[in-house]
Amino acid sequence: MTTPDVGTDDEASVTIRCQDNSSVGVRFCDRFSFDEDSVHYAVELQAPALAARVNEVVAWIWDSDLVPFLEEIAADYRGWDGERSWQTSDRDLAVSAVFRSGGHVGLTWTLRPWPKAAGGWSASVTTWLEAGEQMASLAADVRYFLAGEPR
């Protein structure tokens, strides 16, 4: 389930909770932009005994965006074979999607800051959502978040 949030400081965020285990989630927050070519934002992962954050994920306007990837998955609510994947051009955020029987999509969110640096780290969580409405809602929530528009 996704939640477009407006915190006490009026900062927009989107929280994705796993329907199988609500203690597992992903949060998009702290959106800012230097120019019209990009959007910067933070991504947080949480699960029992795990908290990870990348402070500056960048979405470039000329790049393949996360939103069309999520919209494509939502449109294929009847399922598909194999795994689909997407990543930022910097490869610090990656998402892979699988479909399981019963109409559910597993999204594995991986944070990997400084992917080429020696001694780097990565963390992943998987959120399970309903293939149709929950995926469509997630795509819309992320679209509004990245555009900086109220929902």
C-alpha atoms as a PDB file:
ATOM      1  CA  MET A   1       0.000   0.000   0.000  1.00  0.00           C
ATOM      2  CA  THR A   2       1.277   3.491  -0.792  1.00  0.00           C
ATOM      3  CA  THR A   3       0.706   6.658   1.110  1.00  0.00           C
ATOM      4  CA  PRO A   4       1.359  10.143  -0.213  1.00  0.00           C
ATOM      5  CA  ASP A   5       2.306  11.975   2.965  1.00  0.00           C
ATOM      6  CA  VAL A   6       2.539  15.608   3.888  1.00  0.00           C
ATOM      7  CA  GLY A   7       4.539  15.946   7.083  1.00  0.00           C
ATOM      8  CA  THR A   8       4.379  18.627   9.711  1.00  0.00           C
ATOM      9  CA  ASP A   9       6.899  20.683   7.765  1.00  0.00           C
ATOM     10  CA  ASP A  10       4.765  20.431   4.575  1.00  0.00           C
ATOM     11  CA  GLU A  11       7.413  18.289   2.900  1.00  0.00           C
ATOM     12  CA  ALA A  12       5.854  15.811   0.513  1.00  0.00           C
ATOM     13  CA  SER A  13       6.817  12.154   0.685  1.00  0.00           C
ATOM     14  CA  VAL A  14       5.585   8.790  -0.539  1.00  0.00           C
ATOM     15  CA  THR A  15       5.677   5.702   1.657  1.00  0.00           C
ATOM     16  CA  ILE A  16       5.319   2.184   0.256  1.00  0.00           C
ATOM     17  CA  ARG A  17       4.456  -0.534   2.790  1.00  0.00           C
ATOM     18  CA  CYS A  18       4.618  -4.241   2.072  1.00  0.00           C
ATOM     19  CA  GLN A  19       1.150  -5.754   2.332  1.00  0.00           C
ATOM     20  CA  ASP A  20       2.668  -8.994   3.699  1.00  0.00           C
ATOM     21  CA  ASN A  21       4.699  -7.267   6.425  1.00  0.00           C
ATOM     22  CA  SER A  22       3.961  -3.611   7.220  1.00  0.00           C
ATOM     23  CA  SER A  23       7.320  -3.199   8.977  1.00  0.00           C
ATOM     24  CA  VAL A  24       8.978  -3.405   5.535  1.00  0.00           C
ATOM     25  CA  GLY A  25       8.808  -0.225   3.510  1.00  0.00           C
ATOM     26  CA  VAL A  26      10.323   2.377   1.230  1.00  0.00           C
ATOM     27  CA  ARG A  27      10.036   6.133   1.584  1.00  0.00           C
ATOM     28  CA  PHE A  28      10.683   8.840  -1.028  1.00  0.00           C
ATOM     29  CA  CYS A  29      11.291  12.196   0.656  1.00  0.00           C
ATOM     30  CA  ASP A  30      13.304  15.440   0.747  1.00  0.00           C
ATOM     31  CA  ARG A  31      12.718  16.363  -2.898  1.00  0.00           C
ATOM     32  CA  PHE A  32      14.609  19.379  -4.285  1.00  0.00           C
ATOM     33  CA  SER A  33      15.766  20.703  -7.625  1.00  0.00           C
ATOM     34  CA  PHE A  34      18.641  22.922  -8.739  1.00  0.00           C
ATOM     35  CA  ASP A  35      17.342  23.423 -12.278  1.00  0.00           C
ATOM     36  CA  GLU A  36      14.695  22.205 -14.717  1.00  0.00           C
ATOM     37  CA  ASP A  37      16.884  19.311 -15.914  1.00  0.00           C
ATOM     38  CA  SER A  38      16.762  17.186 -12.767  1.00  0.00           C
ATOM     39  CA  VAL A  39      15.010  16.323  -9.534  1.00  0.00           C
ATOM     40  CA  HIS A  40      16.935  15.195  -6.456  1.00  0.00           C
ATOM     41  CA  TYR A  41      15.365  13.210  -3.634  1.00  0.00           C
ATOM     42  CA  ALA A  42      16.165  10.831  -0.786  1.00  0.00           C
ATOM     43  CA  VAL A  43      15.115   7.186  -0.581  1.00  0.00           C
ATOM     44  CA  GLU A  44      14.847   5.325   2.712  1.00  0.00           C
ATOM     45  CA  LEU A  45      14.481   1.581   3.203  1.00  0.00           C
ATOM     46  CA  GLN A  46      13.210   0.072   6.422  1.00  0.00           C
ATOM     47  CA  ALA A  47      12.736  -3.469   7.667  1.00  0.00           C
ATOM     48  CA  PRO A  48      13.288  -5.226  10.981  1.00  0.00           C
ATOM     49  CA  ALA A  49      16.928  -4.527  11.948  1.00  0.00           C
ATOM     50  CA  LEU A  50      17.489  -2.457   8.777  1.00  0.00           C
ATOM     51  CA  ALA A  51      17.446   1.269   8.097  1.00  0.00           C
ATOM     52  CA  ALA A  52      19.190   2.593   4.990  1.00  0.00           C
ATOM     53  CA  ARG A  53      19.089   5.935   3.208  1.00  0.00           C
ATOM     54  CA  VAL A  54      20.553   7.504   0.097  1.00  0.00           C
ATOM     55  CA  ASN A  55      20.350  11.271   0.359  1.00  0.00           C
ATOM     56  CA  GLU A  56      20.607  12.341  -3.244  1.00  0.00           C
ATOM     57  CA  VAL A  57      19.059  10.135  -5.898  1.00  0.00           C
ATOM     58  CA  VAL A  58      18.823  12.078  -9.172  1.00  0.00           C
ATOM     59  CA  ALA A  59      16.093  11.835 -11.806  1.00  0.00           C
ATOM     60  CA  TRP A  60      17.128  13.476 -15.099  1.00  0.00           C
ATOM     61  CA  ILE A  61      14.457  14.677 -17.505  1.00  0.00           C
ATOM     62  CA  TRP A  62      16.142  12.999 -20.502  1.00  0.00           C
ATOM     63  CA  ASP A  63      16.575   9.688 -18.697  1.00  0.00           C
ATOM     64  CA  SER A  64      14.211   6.741 -18.486  1.00  0.00           C
ATOM     65  CA  ASP A  65      12.135   7.588 -15.440  1.00  0.00           C
ATOM     66  CA  LEU A  66      10.867   5.390 -12.621  1.00  0.00           C
ATOM     67  CA  VAL A  67       7.248   6.431 -13.239  1.00  0.00           C
ATOM     68  CA  PRO A  68       6.867   4.826 -16.714  1.00  0.00           C
ATOM     69  CA  PHE A  69       8.432   1.643 -15.312  1.00  0.00           C
ATOM     70  CA  LEU A  70       5.836   1.546 -12.511  1.00  0.00           C
ATOM     71  CA  GLU A  71       3.003   2.443 -14.914  1.00  0.00           C
ATOM     72  CA  GLU A  72       3.993  -0.412 -17.244  1.00  0.00           C
ATOM     73  CA  ILE A  73       3.890  -2.860 -14.343  1.00  0.00           C
ATOM     74  CA  ALA A  74       0.480  -1.520 -13.269  1.00  0.00           C
ATOM     75  CA  ALA A  75      -0.843  -1.921 -16.824  1.00  0.00           C
ATOM     76  CA  ASP A  76       0.266  -5.574 -16.877  1.00  0.00           C
ATOM     77  CA  TYR A  77      -1.863  -6.483 -13.857  1.00  0.00           C
ATOM     78  CA  ARG A  78      -2.625  -9.917 -15.353  1.00  0.00           C
ATOM     79  CA  GLY A  79       1.012 -10.868 -14.949  1.00  0.00           C
ATOM     80  CA  TRP A  80       4.190 -11.636 -16.852  1.00  0.00           C
ATOM     81  CA  ASP A  81       7.041 -14.112 -16.775  1.00  0.00           C
ATOM     82  CA  GLY A  82      10.475 -13.350 -15.429  1.00  0.00           C
ATOM     83  CA  GLU A  83      11.835 -10.222 -13.825  1.00  0.00           C
ATOM     84  CA  ARG A  84      11.659  -6.611 -14.963  1.00  0.00           C
ATOM     85  CA  SER A  85      14.173  -4.068 -13.754  1.00  0.00           C
ATOM     86  CA  TRP A  86      14.958  -0.368 -13.754  1.00  0.00           C
ATOM     87  CA  GLN A  87      17.769   1.752 -12.292  1.00  0.00           C
ATOM     88  CA  THR A  88      18.846   5.372 -12.156  1.00  0.00           C
ATOM     89  CA  SER A  89      21.633   6.461 -14.469  1.00  0.00           C
ATOM     90  CA  ASP A  90      23.931   6.645 -11.415  1.00  0.00           C
ATOM     91  CA  ARG A  91      22.793   3.128 -10.376  1.00  0.00           C
ATOM     92  CA  ASP A  92      22.271   4.230  -6.772  1.00  0.00           C
ATOM     93  CA  LEU A  93      18.598   3.169  -6.874  1.00  0.00           C
ATOM     94  CA  ALA A  94      17.420   0.017  -8.630  1.00  0.00           C
ATOM     95  CA  VAL A  95      14.005  -1.639  -8.695  1.00  0.00           C
ATOM     96  CA  SER A  96      13.169  -5.123  -9.904  1.00  0.00           C
ATOM     97  CA  ALA A  97       9.651  -6.510 -10.249  1.00  0.00           C
ATOM     98  CA  VAL A  98       8.278 -10.052 -10.299  1.00  0.00           C
ATOM     99  CA  PHE A  99       4.696 -11.272 -10.563  1.00  0.00           C
ATOM    100  CA  ARG A 100       3.338 -14.053  -8.389  1.00  0.00           C
ATOM    101  CA  SER A 101       0.105 -15.943  -8.616  1.00  0.00           C
ATOM    102  CA  GLY A 102      -2.827 -14.301  -6.913  1.00  0.00           C
ATOM    103  CA  GLY A 103      -2.207 -10.985  -8.638  1.00  0.00           C
ATOM    104  CA  HIS A 104       0.672  -9.598  -6.562  1.00  0.00           C
ATOM    105  CA  VAL A 105       3.833  -7.779  -7.580  1.00  0.00           C
ATOM    106  CA  GLY A 106       7.069  -8.004  -5.632  1.00  0.00           C
ATOM    107  CA  LEU A 107       9.157  -4.854  -5.966  1.00  0.00           C
ATOM    108  CA  THR A 108      12.723  -5.215  -4.729  1.00  0.00           C
ATOM    109  CA  TRP A 109      14.183  -1.786  -3.973  1.00  0.00           C
ATOM    110  CA  THR A 110      17.994  -1.661  -3.830  1.00  0.00           C
ATOM    111  CA  LEU A 111      20.068   1.271  -2.630  1.00  0.00           C
ATOM    112  CA  ARG A 112      23.716   1.269  -3.681  1.00  0.00           C
ATOM    113  CA  PRO A 113      25.398   4.642  -3.154  1.00  0.00           C
ATOM    114  CA  TRP A 114      28.762   5.131  -4.778  1.00  0.00           C
ATOM    115  CA  PRO A 115      28.470   1.857  -6.765  1.00  0.00           C
ATOM    116  CA  LYS A 116      32.013   2.106  -8.125  1.00  0.00           C
ATOM    117  CA  ALA A 117      33.705   2.998  -4.834  1.00  0.00           C
ATOM    118  CA  ALA A 118      35.720   0.413  -2.970  1.00  0.00           C
ATOM    119  CA  GLY A 119      34.056  -0.559   0.267  1.00  0.00           C
ATOM    120  CA  GLY A 120      30.623   0.584  -0.883  1.00  0.00           C
ATOM    121  CA  TRP A 121      27.433  -0.901   0.496  1.00  0.00           C
ATOM    122  CA  SER A 122      24.004  -1.916  -0.706  1.00  0.00           C
ATOM    123  CA  ALA A 123      20.693  -2.663   0.962  1.00  0.00           C
ATOM    124  CA  SER A 124      17.461  -4.116  -0.410  1.00  0.00           C
ATOM    125  CA  VAL A 125      13.885  -4.661   0.708  1.00  0.00           C
ATOM    126  CA  THR A 126      10.984  -6.254  -1.141  1.00  0.00           C
ATOM    127  CA  THR A 127       7.481  -4.829  -0.962  1.00  0.00           C
ATOM    128  CA  TRP A 128       4.494  -6.866  -2.166  1.00  0.00           C
ATOM    129  CA  LEU A 129       1.545  -4.959  -3.631  1.00  0.00           C
ATOM    130  CA  GLU A 130      -1.625  -5.844  -5.506  1.00  0.00           C
ATOM    131  CA  ALA A 131      -0.908  -5.830  -9.234  1.00  0.00           C
ATOM    132  CA  GLY A 132      -3.733  -3.501 -10.306  1.00  0.00           C
ATOM    133  CA  GLU A 133      -4.937  -0.618  -8.163  1.00  0.00           C
ATOM    134  CA  GLN A 134      -2.079  -0.535  -5.659  1.00  0.00           C
ATOM    135  CA  MET A 135       0.514  -0.445  -8.466  1.00  0.00           C
ATOM    136  CA  ALA A 136      -1.429   2.264 -10.327  1.00  0.00           C
ATOM    137  CA  SER A 137      -1.690   4.284  -7.115  1.00  0.00           C
ATOM    138  CA  LEU A 138       2.041   3.897  -6.480  1.00  0.00           C
ATOM    139  CA  ALA A 139       2.877   5.099 -10.008  1.00  0.00           C
ATOM    140  CA  ALA A 140       0.608   8.149  -9.592  1.00  0.00           C
ATOM    141  CA  ASP A 141       1.987   8.961  -6.129  1.00  0.00           C
ATOM    142  CA  VAL A 142       5.598   8.801  -7.373  1.00  0.00           C
ATOM    143  CA  ARG A 143       4.698  10.903 -10.442  1.00  0.00           C
ATOM    144  CA  TYR A 144       3.237  13.661  -8.239  1.00  0.00           C
ATOM    145  CA  PHE A 145       6.150  13.458  -5.810  1.00  0.00           C
ATOM    146  CA  LEU A 146       8.794  13.806  -8.531  1.00  0.00           C
ATOM    147  CA  ALA A 147       6.885  16.622 -10.214  1.00  0.00           C
ATOM    148  CA  GLY A 148       6.559  18.467  -6.902  1.00  0.00           C
ATOM    149  CA  GLU A 149       2.787  18.697  -7.305  1.00  0.00           C
ATOM    150  CA  PRO A 150       0.299  18.319  -4.477  1.00  0.00           C
ATOM    151  CA  ARG A 151      -1.852  15.193  -4.621  1.00  0.00           C
END
